[in-house]
Amino acid sequence: MANNIDLSQIFQTVSAALATQQSDLNEADSYNHDHGDHMVQIFDLVQKAVSKKSDEPVADQLAYASKVLSKESDSGSAKLYADGLANAAKTFTGSELNADNLTTLVQGLMNVSPAQEQAPQSESGNPLGSLLSGLMGGQEKASEEDSTLGMDDVLRAGLAFYQSKQSGDSNMEAAMDALMAASPMGQSAHRSQSGSIVASTIMSFARNLGGK
C-alpha cells in the first residue's frame, strides 16, 4: 500500500519547476509575453490554498484550491486549471492521494477525462493513464490490451505519442505530447509547454517516491 502524499509538497515542487522556466514561458507566449508569470502565480496560489486545508481530505483541498484560483486570478490559464482542480476533486472524493494514483491527478489537472468512470486507484480501461503509470514505473509502454480501448482523445493522444517517438523523443517527452494532445492545454503552444512542465514534474515526483 503506497503512502499518502502531501499535496502541498507536490504543488510546491511544480511551482519551483515553473519558476525556473518562467522567462522561457513568457517568451513562448507570443501574444502577451506573460504566460510564465501567470503560471508561477497560479501554482503559488494553488500551493498556498491546499496548504491551508492540509488536514482535510485531498478532494476538499483540490476543491478549495479551485475556488481560490477562480476568485484570485482571471487569466485564461487560471480558468483552465481551476476547472482541472475541480475535476480532480470529484475524482478523488472518498480517496487518498498516493504514488500509485498520481496519474489521475495529472489527468484531472489537464482536463483529460478517463475512458470511463473509475476509482483513482485503478488505471484499468484508461490507455492514457496506463501509459503515464507505466512511465512512472519505468515500463516502456502500455499493454496491448489497454491500447485497443478507444475514444477520440485517446486516439489523438496515441497518434501524438507515435509521432513524437518517430521524431526521436524520449518516452517521457512522447507521453507529454500525448497528454497535451488530449488536453485543452494543447490548443496553444505556450500552454502546452507549461502543461508539460506541470505534468512531468508531478510524474517525476512519483518516480522519486518509487511509485508505479
N, C-alpha and C. Protein backbone atom coordinates (compact mmCIF):
# COMPACT_ATOMS: atom_id res chain seq x y z
N MET A 1 0.85 -1.19 0.00
CA MET A 1 0.00 0.00 0.00
C MET A 1 0.89 1.24 0.00
N ALA A 2 0.71 2.10 -0.98
CA ALA A 2 1.56 3.29 -1.09
C ALA A 2 1.20 4.30 0.00
N ASN A 3 2.22 4.98 0.48
CA ASN A 3 1.97 6.01 1.49
C ASN A 3 1.28 7.21 0.87
N ASN A 4 0.44 7.86 1.66
CA ASN A 4 -0.24 9.05 1.18
C ASN A 4 0.76 10.18 0.98
N ILE A 5 0.42 11.10 0.07
CA ILE A 5 1.33 12.17 -0.32
C ILE A 5 0.76 13.52 0.09
N ASP A 6 1.65 14.41 0.50
CA ASP A 6 1.28 15.78 0.85
C ASP A 6 1.07 16.57 -0.44
N LEU A 7 -0.16 16.97 -0.68
CA LEU A 7 -0.50 17.70 -1.90
C LEU A 7 0.24 19.03 -1.97
N SER A 8 0.41 19.68 -0.85
CA SER A 8 1.13 20.95 -0.82
C SER A 8 2.56 20.79 -1.31
N GLN A 9 3.19 19.68 -0.95
CA GLN A 9 4.57 19.43 -1.38
C GLN A 9 4.65 19.25 -2.89
N ILE A 10 3.66 18.58 -3.46
CA ILE A 10 3.63 18.40 -4.91
C ILE A 10 3.56 19.75 -5.61
N PHE A 11 2.62 20.58 -5.20
CA PHE A 11 2.42 21.86 -5.88
C PHE A 11 3.57 22.83 -5.61
N GLN A 12 4.23 22.68 -4.48
CA GLN A 12 5.43 23.49 -4.22
C GLN A 12 6.52 23.12 -5.22
N THR A 13 6.64 21.83 -5.50
CA THR A 13 7.62 21.35 -6.47
C THR A 13 7.28 21.83 -7.88
N VAL A 14 6.00 21.80 -8.21
CA VAL A 14 5.55 22.28 -9.52
C VAL A 14 5.83 23.77 -9.67
N SER A 15 5.50 24.53 -8.64
CA SER A 15 5.72 25.98 -8.66
C SER A 15 7.20 26.30 -8.86
N ALA A 16 8.06 25.56 -8.19
CA ALA A 16 9.51 25.78 -8.32
C ALA A 16 9.98 25.46 -9.73
N ALA A 17 9.44 24.38 -10.31
CA ALA A 17 9.83 24.00 -11.67
C ALA A 17 9.39 25.06 -12.67
N LEU A 18 8.20 25.60 -12.49
CA LEU A 18 7.70 26.65 -13.38
C LEU A 18 8.53 27.93 -13.24
N ALA A 19 8.96 28.22 -12.02
CA ALA A 19 9.76 29.43 -11.79
C ALA A 19 11.08 29.37 -12.55
N THR A 20 11.66 28.17 -12.64
CA THR A 20 12.93 28.04 -13.37
C THR A 20 12.73 28.23 -14.87
N GLN A 21 11.51 28.04 -15.35
CA GLN A 21 11.22 28.17 -16.79
C GLN A 21 10.37 29.42 -17.08
N GLN A 22 10.25 30.30 -16.10
CA GLN A 22 9.35 31.45 -16.22
C GLN A 22 9.67 32.33 -17.44
N SER A 23 10.92 32.65 -17.63
CA SER A 23 11.32 33.51 -18.75
C SER A 23 11.05 32.82 -20.08
N ASP A 24 11.35 31.52 -20.17
CA ASP A 24 11.11 30.78 -21.41
C ASP A 24 9.62 30.74 -21.73
N LEU A 25 8.79 30.56 -20.70
CA LEU A 25 7.34 30.51 -20.92
C LEU A 25 6.81 31.88 -21.34
N ASN A 26 7.36 32.95 -20.78
CA ASN A 26 6.97 34.29 -21.21
C ASN A 26 7.32 34.50 -22.69
N GLU A 27 8.48 34.02 -23.07
CA GLU A 27 8.93 34.17 -24.46
C GLU A 27 8.07 33.35 -25.40
N ALA A 28 7.64 32.18 -24.94
CA ALA A 28 6.80 31.30 -25.77
C ALA A 28 5.42 31.91 -26.02
N ASP A 29 4.99 32.78 -25.12
CA ASP A 29 3.69 33.47 -25.25
C ASP A 29 3.87 34.65 -26.21
N SER A 30 3.61 34.41 -27.48
CA SER A 30 3.87 35.44 -28.50
C SER A 30 2.87 36.58 -28.47
N TYR A 31 1.80 36.43 -27.71
CA TYR A 31 0.76 37.47 -27.68
C TYR A 31 0.96 38.45 -26.53
N ASN A 32 0.95 37.93 -25.30
CA ASN A 32 1.07 38.81 -24.13
C ASN A 32 2.44 38.75 -23.45
N HIS A 33 3.21 37.74 -23.74
CA HIS A 33 4.55 37.58 -23.16
C HIS A 33 4.55 37.54 -21.63
N ASP A 34 3.48 36.98 -21.05
CA ASP A 34 3.41 36.91 -19.59
C ASP A 34 2.89 35.57 -19.08
N HIS A 35 2.90 34.56 -19.95
CA HIS A 35 2.36 33.26 -19.55
C HIS A 35 3.14 32.66 -18.39
N GLY A 36 4.46 32.79 -18.42
CA GLY A 36 5.27 32.26 -17.32
C GLY A 36 4.93 32.92 -16.00
N ASP A 37 4.71 34.23 -16.04
CA ASP A 37 4.33 34.96 -14.83
C ASP A 37 3.01 34.42 -14.28
N HIS A 38 2.05 34.21 -15.19
CA HIS A 38 0.74 33.70 -14.78
C HIS A 38 0.86 32.30 -14.18
N MET A 39 1.66 31.44 -14.81
CA MET A 39 1.77 30.06 -14.33
C MET A 39 2.38 29.99 -12.93
N VAL A 40 3.41 30.79 -12.70
CA VAL A 40 4.02 30.82 -11.36
C VAL A 40 3.00 31.32 -10.33
N GLN A 41 2.25 32.37 -10.71
CA GLN A 41 1.22 32.89 -9.81
C GLN A 41 0.15 31.84 -9.53
N ILE A 42 -0.27 31.13 -10.58
CA ILE A 42 -1.32 30.12 -10.45
C ILE A 42 -0.92 29.05 -9.43
N PHE A 43 0.27 28.50 -9.58
CA PHE A 43 0.63 27.40 -8.70
C PHE A 43 1.12 27.85 -7.33
N ASP A 44 1.52 29.11 -7.22
CA ASP A 44 1.74 29.67 -5.88
C ASP A 44 0.42 29.74 -5.12
N LEU A 45 -0.62 30.21 -5.80
CA LEU A 45 -1.95 30.28 -5.20
C LEU A 45 -2.47 28.89 -4.83
N VAL A 46 -2.28 27.94 -5.74
CA VAL A 46 -2.75 26.57 -5.50
C VAL A 46 -2.02 25.95 -4.32
N GLN A 47 -0.71 26.13 -4.27
CA GLN A 47 0.08 25.55 -3.17
C GLN A 47 -0.36 26.12 -1.82
N LYS A 48 -0.55 27.43 -1.77
CA LYS A 48 -0.96 28.07 -0.52
C LYS A 48 -2.37 27.63 -0.12
N ALA A 49 -3.23 27.45 -1.11
CA ALA A 49 -4.61 27.05 -0.83
C ALA A 49 -4.68 25.65 -0.23
N VAL A 50 -3.99 24.69 -0.86
CA VAL A 50 -4.04 23.32 -0.33
C VAL A 50 -3.33 23.23 1.02
N SER A 51 -2.32 24.07 1.22
CA SER A 51 -1.61 24.08 2.49
C SER A 51 -2.53 24.49 3.64
N LYS A 52 -3.43 25.44 3.36
CA LYS A 52 -4.39 25.89 4.37
C LYS A 52 -5.37 24.79 4.76
N LYS A 53 -5.59 23.84 3.87
CA LYS A 53 -6.56 22.76 4.10
C LYS A 53 -5.86 21.42 4.27
N SER A 54 -4.61 21.43 4.69
CA SER A 54 -3.80 20.21 4.72
C SER A 54 -4.37 19.12 5.62
N ASP A 55 -5.19 19.49 6.59
CA ASP A 55 -5.77 18.50 7.50
C ASP A 55 -7.06 17.90 6.95
N GLU A 56 -7.51 18.38 5.80
CA GLU A 56 -8.76 17.91 5.20
C GLU A 56 -8.50 16.90 4.10
N PRO A 57 -9.51 16.14 3.68
CA PRO A 57 -9.33 15.17 2.60
C PRO A 57 -8.81 15.83 1.33
N VAL A 58 -8.07 15.07 0.53
CA VAL A 58 -7.45 15.62 -0.68
C VAL A 58 -8.49 16.22 -1.62
N ALA A 59 -9.68 15.62 -1.70
CA ALA A 59 -10.73 16.15 -2.57
C ALA A 59 -11.13 17.56 -2.13
N ASP A 60 -11.21 17.77 -0.82
CA ASP A 60 -11.57 19.09 -0.30
C ASP A 60 -10.45 20.10 -0.54
N GLN A 61 -9.21 19.65 -0.44
CA GLN A 61 -8.09 20.53 -0.72
C GLN A 61 -8.12 21.00 -2.18
N LEU A 62 -8.36 20.07 -3.08
CA LEU A 62 -8.40 20.40 -4.51
C LEU A 62 -9.57 21.32 -4.83
N ALA A 63 -10.72 21.04 -4.24
CA ALA A 63 -11.90 21.87 -4.48
C ALA A 63 -11.69 23.29 -3.96
N TYR A 64 -11.08 23.41 -2.79
CA TYR A 64 -10.80 24.73 -2.23
C TYR A 64 -9.82 25.49 -3.11
N ALA A 65 -8.78 24.81 -3.59
CA ALA A 65 -7.80 25.45 -4.47
C ALA A 65 -8.46 25.94 -5.75
N SER A 66 -9.40 25.17 -6.26
CA SER A 66 -10.13 25.58 -7.47
C SER A 66 -10.89 26.88 -7.23
N LYS A 67 -11.55 26.96 -6.08
CA LYS A 67 -12.31 28.17 -5.76
C LYS A 67 -11.40 29.38 -5.57
N VAL A 68 -10.29 29.19 -4.88
CA VAL A 68 -9.33 30.28 -4.65
C VAL A 68 -8.78 30.78 -5.98
N LEU A 69 -8.43 29.85 -6.85
CA LEU A 69 -7.86 30.21 -8.15
C LEU A 69 -8.87 30.98 -9.00
N SER A 70 -10.10 30.53 -8.99
CA SER A 70 -11.16 31.21 -9.75
C SER A 70 -11.37 32.64 -9.25
N LYS A 71 -11.24 32.81 -7.94
CA LYS A 71 -11.50 34.12 -7.32
C LYS A 71 -10.34 35.08 -7.48
N GLU A 72 -9.11 34.58 -7.38
CA GLU A 72 -7.95 35.46 -7.27
C GLU A 72 -7.14 35.63 -8.56
N SER A 73 -7.44 34.86 -9.59
CA SER A 73 -6.73 35.01 -10.85
C SER A 73 -7.72 34.91 -12.01
N ASP A 74 -7.63 35.85 -12.94
CA ASP A 74 -8.62 35.88 -14.02
C ASP A 74 -8.02 35.57 -15.39
N SER A 75 -6.82 35.01 -15.43
CA SER A 75 -6.21 34.66 -16.72
C SER A 75 -6.91 33.43 -17.31
N GLY A 76 -6.76 33.27 -18.61
CA GLY A 76 -7.35 32.10 -19.26
C GLY A 76 -6.77 30.80 -18.73
N SER A 77 -5.47 30.80 -18.47
CA SER A 77 -4.82 29.60 -17.93
C SER A 77 -5.35 29.28 -16.53
N ALA A 78 -5.58 30.30 -15.73
CA ALA A 78 -6.11 30.09 -14.38
C ALA A 78 -7.48 29.43 -14.44
N LYS A 79 -8.29 29.85 -15.39
CA LYS A 79 -9.62 29.25 -15.53
C LYS A 79 -9.51 27.76 -15.88
N LEU A 80 -8.59 27.43 -16.80
CA LEU A 80 -8.41 26.03 -17.18
C LEU A 80 -7.94 25.19 -16.00
N TYR A 81 -7.00 25.71 -15.23
CA TYR A 81 -6.51 24.95 -14.08
C TYR A 81 -7.52 24.90 -12.94
N ALA A 82 -8.33 25.95 -12.81
CA ALA A 82 -9.40 25.90 -11.81
C ALA A 82 -10.39 24.78 -12.17
N ASP A 83 -10.72 24.68 -13.46
CA ASP A 83 -11.59 23.59 -13.92
C ASP A 83 -10.93 22.23 -13.67
N GLY A 84 -9.62 22.16 -13.96
CA GLY A 84 -8.90 20.91 -13.75
C GLY A 84 -8.87 20.49 -12.29
N LEU A 85 -8.65 21.45 -11.41
CA LEU A 85 -8.66 21.16 -9.97
C LEU A 85 -10.03 20.66 -9.52
N ALA A 86 -11.07 21.29 -10.05
CA ALA A 86 -12.43 20.86 -9.70
C ALA A 86 -12.69 19.43 -10.20
N ASN A 87 -12.22 19.12 -11.40
CA ASN A 87 -12.38 17.77 -11.93
C ASN A 87 -11.62 16.75 -11.08
N ALA A 88 -10.41 17.11 -10.70
CA ALA A 88 -9.60 16.21 -9.88
C ALA A 88 -10.25 16.00 -8.52
N ALA A 89 -10.84 17.06 -7.98
CA ALA A 89 -11.52 16.96 -6.68
C ALA A 89 -12.63 15.92 -6.73
N LYS A 90 -13.41 15.94 -7.81
CA LYS A 90 -14.51 14.98 -7.95
C LYS A 90 -13.96 13.56 -8.03
N THR A 91 -12.86 13.39 -8.75
CA THR A 91 -12.28 12.06 -8.93
C THR A 91 -11.77 11.48 -7.62
N PHE A 92 -11.24 12.34 -6.74
CA PHE A 92 -10.64 11.87 -5.50
C PHE A 92 -11.60 11.87 -4.32
N THR A 93 -12.87 12.11 -4.54
CA THR A 93 -13.83 12.06 -3.45
C THR A 93 -13.81 10.68 -2.79
N GLY A 94 -13.55 10.68 -1.51
CA GLY A 94 -13.51 9.42 -0.77
C GLY A 94 -12.20 8.66 -0.89
N SER A 95 -11.21 9.26 -1.54
CA SER A 95 -9.93 8.58 -1.76
C SER A 95 -8.77 9.43 -1.29
N GLU A 96 -7.65 8.77 -0.99
CA GLU A 96 -6.42 9.46 -0.64
C GLU A 96 -5.53 9.55 -1.87
N LEU A 97 -4.54 10.45 -1.81
CA LEU A 97 -3.58 10.60 -2.90
C LEU A 97 -2.29 9.89 -2.52
N ASN A 98 -1.82 9.01 -3.42
CA ASN A 98 -0.56 8.33 -3.19
C ASN A 98 0.18 8.14 -4.51
N ALA A 99 1.36 7.57 -4.45
CA ALA A 99 2.19 7.44 -5.65
C ALA A 99 1.53 6.61 -6.73
N ASP A 100 0.64 5.70 -6.34
CA ASP A 100 0.01 4.82 -7.31
C ASP A 100 -1.08 5.50 -8.13
N ASN A 101 -1.63 6.61 -7.63
CA ASN A 101 -2.73 7.24 -8.39
C ASN A 101 -2.44 8.69 -8.77
N LEU A 102 -1.17 9.07 -8.77
CA LEU A 102 -0.83 10.43 -9.17
C LEU A 102 -1.15 10.70 -10.64
N THR A 103 -1.19 9.66 -11.45
CA THR A 103 -1.57 9.87 -12.86
C THR A 103 -2.98 10.43 -12.97
N THR A 104 -3.85 10.04 -12.04
CA THR A 104 -5.22 10.55 -12.04
C THR A 104 -5.24 12.04 -11.73
N LEU A 105 -4.36 12.47 -10.83
CA LEU A 105 -4.24 13.90 -10.53
C LEU A 105 -3.76 14.66 -11.77
N VAL A 106 -2.77 14.09 -12.47
CA VAL A 106 -2.24 14.73 -13.69
C VAL A 106 -3.35 14.88 -14.72
N GLN A 107 -4.09 13.82 -14.97
CA GLN A 107 -5.15 13.88 -15.97
C GLN A 107 -6.25 14.85 -15.56
N GLY A 108 -6.57 14.90 -14.26
CA GLY A 108 -7.57 15.84 -13.78
C GLY A 108 -7.13 17.28 -14.01
N LEU A 109 -5.90 17.59 -13.63
CA LEU A 109 -5.38 18.95 -13.81
C LEU A 109 -5.38 19.37 -15.27
N MET A 110 -5.10 18.41 -16.16
CA MET A 110 -5.04 18.71 -17.59
C MET A 110 -6.41 18.62 -18.26
N ASN A 111 -7.45 18.39 -17.47
CA ASN A 111 -8.81 18.28 -18.01
C ASN A 111 -8.93 17.16 -19.04
N VAL A 112 -8.24 16.06 -18.78
CA VAL A 112 -8.33 14.88 -19.64
C VAL A 112 -9.19 13.85 -18.93
N SER A 113 -10.33 13.52 -19.51
CA SER A 113 -11.24 12.57 -18.88
C SER A 113 -10.78 11.15 -19.15
N PRO A 114 -10.85 10.27 -18.13
CA PRO A 114 -10.55 8.87 -18.37
C PRO A 114 -11.55 8.24 -19.32
N ALA A 115 -11.22 7.08 -19.87
CA ALA A 115 -12.09 6.43 -20.85
C ALA A 115 -13.43 6.06 -20.23
N GLN A 116 -13.45 5.83 -18.93
CA GLN A 116 -14.70 5.51 -18.25
C GLN A 116 -14.56 5.91 -16.80
N GLU A 117 -15.70 6.11 -16.13
CA GLU A 117 -15.67 6.50 -14.72
C GLU A 117 -15.01 5.38 -13.91
N GLN A 118 -14.12 5.75 -13.00
CA GLN A 118 -13.39 4.75 -12.25
C GLN A 118 -12.79 5.35 -11.00
N ALA A 119 -12.42 4.50 -10.05
CA ALA A 119 -11.74 4.96 -8.85
C ALA A 119 -10.32 5.36 -9.22
N PRO A 120 -9.76 6.36 -8.51
CA PRO A 120 -8.42 6.83 -8.87
C PRO A 120 -7.32 5.81 -8.68
N GLN A 121 -7.56 4.77 -7.89
CA GLN A 121 -6.51 3.78 -7.67
C GLN A 121 -6.29 2.90 -8.88
N SER A 122 -7.24 2.90 -9.82
CA SER A 122 -7.14 2.00 -10.96
C SER A 122 -7.02 2.75 -12.26
N GLU A 123 -6.12 2.28 -13.14
CA GLU A 123 -5.99 2.86 -14.46
C GLU A 123 -6.64 1.96 -15.50
N SER A 124 -7.33 0.88 -15.04
CA SER A 124 -7.94 -0.06 -15.96
C SER A 124 -8.94 0.65 -16.86
N GLY A 125 -8.92 0.33 -18.15
CA GLY A 125 -9.84 0.94 -19.09
C GLY A 125 -9.43 2.33 -19.50
N ASN A 126 -8.24 2.77 -19.14
CA ASN A 126 -7.78 4.13 -19.44
C ASN A 126 -6.39 4.05 -20.05
N PRO A 127 -6.29 3.93 -21.37
CA PRO A 127 -4.98 3.74 -22.01
C PRO A 127 -3.98 4.85 -21.70
N LEU A 128 -4.43 6.11 -21.71
CA LEU A 128 -3.51 7.20 -21.43
C LEU A 128 -3.00 7.11 -20.00
N GLY A 129 -3.91 6.80 -19.07
CA GLY A 129 -3.49 6.63 -17.68
C GLY A 129 -2.52 5.48 -17.53
N SER A 130 -2.75 4.39 -18.28
CA SER A 130 -1.84 3.25 -18.23
C SER A 130 -0.46 3.63 -18.75
N LEU A 131 -0.44 4.42 -19.82
CA LEU A 131 0.83 4.88 -20.37
C LEU A 131 1.60 5.71 -19.36
N LEU A 132 0.93 6.67 -18.73
CA LEU A 132 1.58 7.52 -17.74
C LEU A 132 2.05 6.70 -16.55
N SER A 133 1.21 5.76 -16.10
CA SER A 133 1.59 4.91 -14.97
C SER A 133 2.81 4.07 -15.32
N GLY A 134 2.83 3.56 -16.54
CA GLY A 134 3.95 2.75 -16.98
C GLY A 134 5.24 3.53 -16.98
N LEU A 135 5.19 4.77 -17.42
CA LEU A 135 6.39 5.59 -17.46
C LEU A 135 6.88 5.91 -16.05
N MET A 136 5.98 6.15 -15.13
CA MET A 136 6.38 6.43 -13.75
C MET A 136 6.99 5.20 -13.10
N GLY A 137 6.54 4.01 -13.57
CA GLY A 137 7.09 2.78 -13.01
C GLY A 137 8.26 2.24 -13.79
N GLY A 138 8.67 2.96 -14.85
CA GLY A 138 9.82 2.55 -15.62
C GLY A 138 9.50 1.61 -16.75
N GLN A 139 8.21 1.31 -17.00
CA GLN A 139 7.85 0.45 -18.11
C GLN A 139 7.98 1.22 -19.41
N GLU A 140 8.12 0.50 -20.50
CA GLU A 140 8.34 1.14 -21.79
C GLU A 140 7.05 1.61 -22.43
N LYS A 141 5.95 0.88 -22.21
CA LYS A 141 4.72 1.25 -22.88
C LYS A 141 3.53 0.60 -22.20
N ALA A 142 2.34 1.08 -22.57
CA ALA A 142 1.13 0.48 -22.06
C ALA A 142 0.93 -0.89 -22.70
N SER A 143 0.12 -1.73 -22.06
CA SER A 143 -0.09 -3.06 -22.60
C SER A 143 -0.91 -3.01 -23.88
N GLU A 144 -0.80 -4.07 -24.67
CA GLU A 144 -1.56 -4.13 -25.92
C GLU A 144 -3.05 -4.13 -25.64
N GLU A 145 -3.45 -4.75 -24.55
CA GLU A 145 -4.88 -4.78 -24.21
C GLU A 145 -5.40 -3.38 -23.97
N ASP A 146 -4.64 -2.57 -23.24
CA ASP A 146 -5.05 -1.19 -22.99
C ASP A 146 -5.13 -0.42 -24.29
N SER A 147 -4.17 -0.65 -25.20
CA SER A 147 -4.10 0.16 -26.40
C SER A 147 -5.24 -0.10 -27.35
N THR A 148 -5.99 -1.21 -27.15
CA THR A 148 -7.11 -1.47 -28.03
C THR A 148 -8.36 -0.70 -27.62
N LEU A 149 -8.37 -0.14 -26.42
CA LEU A 149 -9.53 0.60 -25.95
C LEU A 149 -9.53 1.98 -26.57
N GLY A 150 -10.67 2.43 -27.11
CA GLY A 150 -10.62 3.67 -27.87
C GLY A 150 -11.62 4.72 -27.43
N MET A 151 -11.21 5.96 -27.60
CA MET A 151 -12.06 7.13 -27.57
C MET A 151 -11.29 8.21 -28.33
N ASP A 152 -11.99 9.26 -28.73
CA ASP A 152 -11.34 10.27 -29.57
C ASP A 152 -10.08 10.83 -28.94
N ASP A 153 -10.15 11.20 -27.66
CA ASP A 153 -8.99 11.79 -27.00
C ASP A 153 -7.82 10.82 -26.96
N VAL A 154 -8.12 9.55 -26.68
CA VAL A 154 -7.05 8.57 -26.57
C VAL A 154 -6.42 8.31 -27.94
N LEU A 155 -7.23 8.25 -28.98
CA LEU A 155 -6.69 8.05 -30.32
C LEU A 155 -5.80 9.22 -30.72
N ARG A 156 -6.25 10.43 -30.41
CA ARG A 156 -5.46 11.62 -30.73
C ARG A 156 -4.16 11.61 -29.93
N ALA A 157 -4.26 11.22 -28.66
CA ALA A 157 -3.07 11.14 -27.82
C ALA A 157 -2.11 10.07 -28.31
N GLY A 158 -2.67 8.95 -28.72
CA GLY A 158 -1.83 7.87 -29.22
C GLY A 158 -1.08 8.26 -30.48
N LEU A 159 -1.76 8.99 -31.35
CA LEU A 159 -1.11 9.47 -32.58
C LEU A 159 0.02 10.44 -32.23
N ALA A 160 -0.23 11.32 -31.29
CA ALA A 160 0.80 12.26 -30.87
C ALA A 160 2.01 11.53 -30.28
N PHE A 161 1.73 10.49 -29.49
CA PHE A 161 2.81 9.70 -28.91
C PHE A 161 3.65 9.05 -30.00
N TYR A 162 2.97 8.46 -30.97
CA TYR A 162 3.67 7.79 -32.08
C TYR A 162 4.53 8.78 -32.87
N GLN A 163 3.95 9.91 -33.20
CA GLN A 163 4.68 10.91 -33.97
C GLN A 163 5.89 11.43 -33.20
N SER A 164 5.71 11.61 -31.89
CA SER A 164 6.80 12.09 -31.06
C SER A 164 7.94 11.07 -31.01
N LYS A 165 7.59 9.79 -30.87
CA LYS A 165 8.60 8.74 -30.84
C LYS A 165 9.31 8.65 -32.19
N GLN A 166 8.57 8.83 -33.28
CA GLN A 166 9.16 8.80 -34.61
C GLN A 166 10.17 9.93 -34.79
N SER A 167 9.95 11.02 -34.05
CA SER A 167 10.86 12.18 -34.12
C SER A 167 12.08 12.00 -33.23
N GLY A 168 12.12 10.89 -32.50
CA GLY A 168 13.28 10.61 -31.67
C GLY A 168 13.16 11.07 -30.23
N ASP A 169 11.95 11.47 -29.81
CA ASP A 169 11.77 11.92 -28.43
C ASP A 169 11.85 10.73 -27.47
N SER A 170 12.17 11.04 -26.21
CA SER A 170 12.17 10.01 -25.17
C SER A 170 10.73 9.60 -24.86
N ASN A 171 10.58 8.50 -24.12
CA ASN A 171 9.24 8.06 -23.72
C ASN A 171 8.51 9.15 -22.94
N MET A 172 9.22 9.83 -22.02
CA MET A 172 8.58 10.88 -21.23
C MET A 172 8.13 12.03 -22.12
N GLU A 173 8.99 12.45 -23.04
CA GLU A 173 8.63 13.54 -23.95
C GLU A 173 7.44 13.15 -24.82
N ALA A 174 7.45 11.92 -25.30
CA ALA A 174 6.34 11.45 -26.13
C ALA A 174 5.05 11.37 -25.33
N ALA A 175 5.16 10.95 -24.07
CA ALA A 175 3.97 10.88 -23.21
C ALA A 175 3.40 12.26 -22.96
N MET A 176 4.27 13.25 -22.78
CA MET A 176 3.80 14.62 -22.59
C MET A 176 3.09 15.14 -23.83
N ASP A 177 3.63 14.82 -25.01
CA ASP A 177 2.97 15.21 -26.25
C ASP A 177 1.59 14.57 -26.35
N ALA A 178 1.51 13.30 -25.95
CA ALA A 178 0.23 12.59 -25.99
C ALA A 178 -0.77 13.21 -25.03
N LEU A 179 -0.30 13.51 -23.82
CA LEU A 179 -1.18 14.11 -22.82
C LEU A 179 -1.69 15.47 -23.28
N MET A 180 -0.80 16.30 -23.82
CA MET A 180 -1.21 17.63 -24.29
C MET A 180 -2.16 17.54 -25.47
N ALA A 181 -2.00 16.51 -26.30
CA ALA A 181 -2.90 16.33 -27.44
C ALA A 181 -4.33 16.06 -26.99
N ALA A 182 -4.46 15.43 -25.83
CA ALA A 182 -5.78 15.10 -25.30
C ALA A 182 -6.33 16.19 -24.38
N SER A 183 -5.53 17.21 -24.11
CA SER A 183 -5.89 18.25 -23.15
C SER A 183 -6.20 19.58 -23.83
N PRO A 184 -7.10 20.38 -23.24
CA PRO A 184 -7.32 21.74 -23.75
C PRO A 184 -6.06 22.59 -23.70
N MET A 185 -5.12 22.21 -22.82
CA MET A 185 -3.85 22.94 -22.74
C MET A 185 -3.08 22.88 -24.05
N GLY A 186 -3.31 21.81 -24.80
CA GLY A 186 -2.57 21.62 -26.04
C GLY A 186 -3.04 22.48 -27.19
N GLN A 187 -4.07 23.29 -26.97
CA GLN A 187 -4.60 24.13 -28.05
C GLN A 187 -3.75 25.36 -28.32
N SER A 188 -2.81 25.66 -27.44
CA SER A 188 -1.86 26.74 -27.70
C SER A 188 -0.47 26.28 -27.30
N ALA A 189 0.54 26.75 -28.04
CA ALA A 189 1.90 26.24 -27.83
C ALA A 189 2.43 26.55 -26.44
N HIS A 190 2.17 27.77 -25.94
CA HIS A 190 2.73 28.12 -24.64
C HIS A 190 2.05 27.36 -23.50
N ARG A 191 0.74 27.10 -23.62
CA ARG A 191 0.05 26.33 -22.58
C ARG A 191 0.45 24.86 -22.64
N SER A 192 0.71 24.37 -23.84
CA SER A 192 1.20 23.01 -23.97
C SER A 192 2.57 22.87 -23.32
N GLN A 193 3.41 23.87 -23.49
CA GLN A 193 4.75 23.85 -22.91
C GLN A 193 4.68 23.88 -21.38
N SER A 194 3.87 24.76 -20.83
CA SER A 194 3.76 24.83 -19.37
C SER A 194 3.04 23.61 -18.81
N GLY A 195 2.03 23.12 -19.53
CA GLY A 195 1.32 21.93 -19.08
C GLY A 195 2.24 20.72 -19.00
N SER A 196 3.15 20.62 -19.96
CA SER A 196 4.12 19.53 -19.95
C SER A 196 5.03 19.63 -18.73
N ILE A 197 5.40 20.85 -18.36
CA ILE A 197 6.23 21.05 -17.16
C ILE A 197 5.48 20.60 -15.92
N VAL A 198 4.21 21.02 -15.81
CA VAL A 198 3.38 20.64 -14.66
C VAL A 198 3.26 19.12 -14.57
N ALA A 199 2.86 18.49 -15.68
CA ALA A 199 2.62 17.05 -15.67
C ALA A 199 3.90 16.25 -15.43
N SER A 200 4.98 16.60 -16.12
CA SER A 200 6.22 15.84 -15.97
C SER A 200 6.82 16.02 -14.59
N THR A 201 6.62 17.18 -13.98
CA THR A 201 7.12 17.40 -12.61
C THR A 201 6.39 16.50 -11.62
N ILE A 202 5.08 16.38 -11.78
CA ILE A 202 4.30 15.50 -10.89
C ILE A 202 4.69 14.05 -11.11
N MET A 203 4.86 13.65 -12.37
CA MET A 203 5.25 12.27 -12.66
C MET A 203 6.64 11.97 -12.11
N SER A 204 7.56 12.92 -12.22
CA SER A 204 8.90 12.73 -11.67
C SER A 204 8.85 12.62 -10.15
N PHE A 205 7.94 13.38 -9.55
CA PHE A 205 7.74 13.32 -8.11
C PHE A 205 7.37 11.89 -7.71
N ALA A 206 6.47 11.30 -8.48
CA ALA A 206 6.04 9.92 -8.18
C ALA A 206 7.18 8.93 -8.38
N ARG A 207 7.95 9.11 -9.44
CA ARG A 207 9.07 8.20 -9.69
C ARG A 207 10.10 8.29 -8.56
N ASN A 208 10.31 9.47 -8.06
CA ASN A 208 11.27 9.65 -6.96
C ASN A 208 10.81 8.98 -5.68
N LEU A 209 9.47 8.80 -5.58
CA LEU A 209 8.93 8.11 -4.42
C LEU A 209 8.94 6.60 -4.61
N GLY A 210 9.33 6.19 -5.82
CA GLY A 210 9.34 4.77 -6.11
C GLY A 210 7.96 4.24 -6.43
N GLY A 211 7.03 5.17 -6.85
CA GLY A 211 5.68 4.73 -7.19
C GLY A 211 5.66 4.05 -8.52
N LYS A 212 4.51 3.49 -8.85
CA LYS A 212 4.38 2.82 -10.14
C LYS A 212 3.16 3.31 -10.85
